[in-house]
C-alpha atoms as a PDB file:
ATOM      1  CA  MET A   1      29.633 -45.544  40.381  1.00  0.00           C
ATOM      2  CA  PRO A   2      32.621 -44.775  40.549  1.00  0.00           C
ATOM      3  CA  TYR A   3      34.296 -46.126  44.527  1.00  0.00           C
ATOM      4  CA  ASP A   4      35.707 -43.692  46.965  1.00  0.00           C
ATOM      5  CA  ASN A   5      37.230 -45.979  48.674  1.00  0.00           C
ATOM      6  CA  HIS A   6      38.145 -49.773  49.485  1.00  0.00           C
ATOM      7  CA  LYS A   7      34.804 -49.892  52.199  1.00  0.00           C
ATOM      8  CA  ASP A   8      32.596 -49.594  48.731  1.00  0.00           C
ATOM      9  CA  LEU A   9      34.203 -51.652  46.626  1.00  0.00           C
ATOM     10  CA  PRO A  10      31.302 -55.159  46.167  1.00  0.00           C
ATOM     11  CA  GLU A  11      31.946 -57.291  49.257  1.00  0.00           C
ATOM     12  CA  SER A  12      33.315 -60.162  46.825  1.00  0.00           C
ATOM     13  CA  VAL A  13      36.530 -58.020  46.248  1.00  0.00           C
ATOM     14  CA  GLN A  14      37.054 -56.992  49.520  1.00  0.00           C
ATOM     15  CA  ASN A  15      37.031 -60.755  50.860  1.00  0.00           C
ATOM     16  CA  ALA A  16      39.141 -62.071  47.977  1.00  0.00           C
ATOM     17  CA  LEU A  17      42.133 -58.914  47.846  1.00  0.00           C
ATOM     18  CA  PRO A  18      44.981 -57.764  50.296  1.00  0.00           C
ATOM     19  CA  PRO A  19      44.462 -54.263  50.571  1.00  0.00           C
ATOM     20  CA  GLU A  20      46.495 -53.324  47.490  1.00  0.00           C
ATOM     21  CA  ALA A  21      45.387 -55.517  45.212  1.00  0.00           C
ATOM     22  CA  GLN A  22      42.388 -53.222  46.409  1.00  0.00           C
ATOM     23  CA  SER A  23      43.917 -50.479  45.895  1.00  0.00           C
ATOM     24  CA  ILE A  24      43.913 -51.472  42.363  1.00  0.00           C
ATOM     25  CA  TYR A  25      40.999 -52.131  41.703  1.00  0.00           C
ATOM     26  CA  LEU A  26      39.392 -49.263  42.790  1.00  0.00           C
ATOM     27  CA  ALA A  27      41.991 -46.942  40.711  1.00  0.00           C
ATOM     28  CA  ALA A  28      41.041 -48.954  37.481  1.00  0.00           C
ATOM     29  CA  PHE A  29      37.643 -49.572  38.091  1.00  0.00           C
ATOM     30  CA  ASN A  30      37.126 -45.455  38.294  1.00  0.00           C
ATOM     31  CA  ASN A  31      39.338 -44.730  35.333  1.00  0.00           C
ATOM     32  CA  ALA A  32      37.154 -47.736  33.463  1.00  0.00           C
ATOM     33  CA  TRP A  33      34.349 -45.945  34.539  1.00  0.00           C
ATOM     34  CA  ASP A  34      35.413 -42.300  33.119  1.00  0.00           C
ATOM     35  CA  GLU A  35      36.967 -43.741  30.298  1.00  0.00           C
ATOM     36  CA  TYR A  36      33.779 -46.599  29.245  1.00  0.00           C
ATOM     37  CA  LYS A  37      30.881 -43.892  29.969  1.00  0.00           C
ATOM     38  CA  ASP A  38      29.941 -44.034  26.577  1.00  0.00           C
ATOM     39  CA  ALA A  39      28.104 -46.779  25.086  1.00  0.00           C
ATOM     40  CA  ASP A  40      29.801 -46.299  21.829  1.00  0.00           C
ATOM     41  CA  ASP A  41      32.698 -47.450  23.621  1.00  0.00           C
ATOM     42  CA  ARG A  42      32.167 -50.297  23.968  1.00  0.00           C
ATOM     43  CA  ARG A  43      32.271 -53.717  22.822  1.00  0.00           C
ATOM     44  CA  GLY A  44      28.756 -54.938  22.156  1.00  0.00           C
ATOM     45  CA  ASN A  45      26.132 -54.505  24.988  1.00  0.00           C
ATOM     46  CA  GLN A  46      27.952 -54.421  27.555  1.00  0.00           C
ATOM     47  CA  SER A  47      26.736 -52.046  30.636  1.00  0.00           C
ATOM     48  CA  ARG A  48      29.382 -49.274  32.119  1.00  0.00           C
ATOM     49  CA  GLU A  49      29.377 -51.315  35.186  1.00  0.00           C
ATOM     50  CA  GLU A  50      30.585 -54.241  33.559  1.00  0.00           C
ATOM     51  CA  VAL A  51      32.930 -52.975  31.316  1.00  0.00           C
ATOM     52  CA  SER A  52      34.883 -51.748  34.824  1.00  0.00           C
ATOM     53  CA  HIS A  53      34.947 -54.612  36.331  1.00  0.00           C
ATOM     54  CA  LYS A  54      36.044 -57.005  33.795  1.00  0.00           C
ATOM     55  CA  VAL A  55      39.303 -54.202  33.506  1.00  0.00           C
ATOM     56  CA  ALA A  56      39.177 -53.756  37.558  1.00  0.00           C
ATOM     57  CA  TRP A  57      40.248 -57.495  37.134  1.00  0.00           C
ATOM     58  CA  SER A  58      41.706 -56.855  34.428  1.00  0.00           C
ATOM     59  CA  ALA A  59      44.158 -54.849  35.651  1.00  0.00           C
ATOM     60  CA  VAL A  60      44.740 -56.682  39.485  1.00  0.00           C
ATOM     61  CA  LYS A  61      46.106 -60.272  37.274  1.00  0.00           C
ATOM     62  CA  GLN A  62      48.955 -57.778  36.187  1.00  0.00           C
ATOM     63  CA  LYS A  63      49.804 -57.631  39.371  1.00  0.00           C
ATOM     64  CA  TYR A  64      48.289 -60.506  41.132  1.00  0.00           C
ATOM     65  CA  HIS A  65      47.802 -64.187  40.739  1.00  0.00           C
ATOM     66  CA  LYS A  66      45.571 -66.765  42.642  1.00  0.00           C
ATOM     67  CA  ASN A  67      48.161 -69.304  44.995  1.00  0.00           C
ATOM     68  CA  ASP A  68      47.196 -72.867  44.875  1.00  0.00           C
ATOM     69  CA  ASN A  69      45.217 -71.844  47.887  1.00  0.00           C
ATOM     70  CA  ASP A  70      42.855 -69.717  46.300  1.00  0.00           C
ATOM     71  CA  MET A  71      43.956 -66.810  47.525  1.00  0.00           C
ATOM     72  CA  TRP A  72      45.378 -63.646  45.870  1.00  0.00           C
ATOM     73  CA  VAL A  73      48.834 -63.148  46.025  1.00  0.00           C
ATOM     74  CA  LYS A  74      51.050 -60.463  44.801  1.00  0.00           C
ATOM     75  CA  SER A  75      53.325 -62.158  41.463  1.00  0.00           C
ATOM     76  CA  SER A  76      56.801 -62.517  41.602  1.00  0.00           C
END
């Protein structure tokens, strides 16, 4: 289930990430959703959705990190 906009993202993502990071998450999720549609392309027996969320969080973590206040901020 690809996402069309930020409002479609899970509430946990909307509440945790700033808008730019949400855009990264959305784009990475949608790309992974297409890339891993075939079960043979995924490791183990993870679902397409599970893999797509993992890819999306990984993409966010390339440009953002949690600060001491447990808030996601852009990495320098």
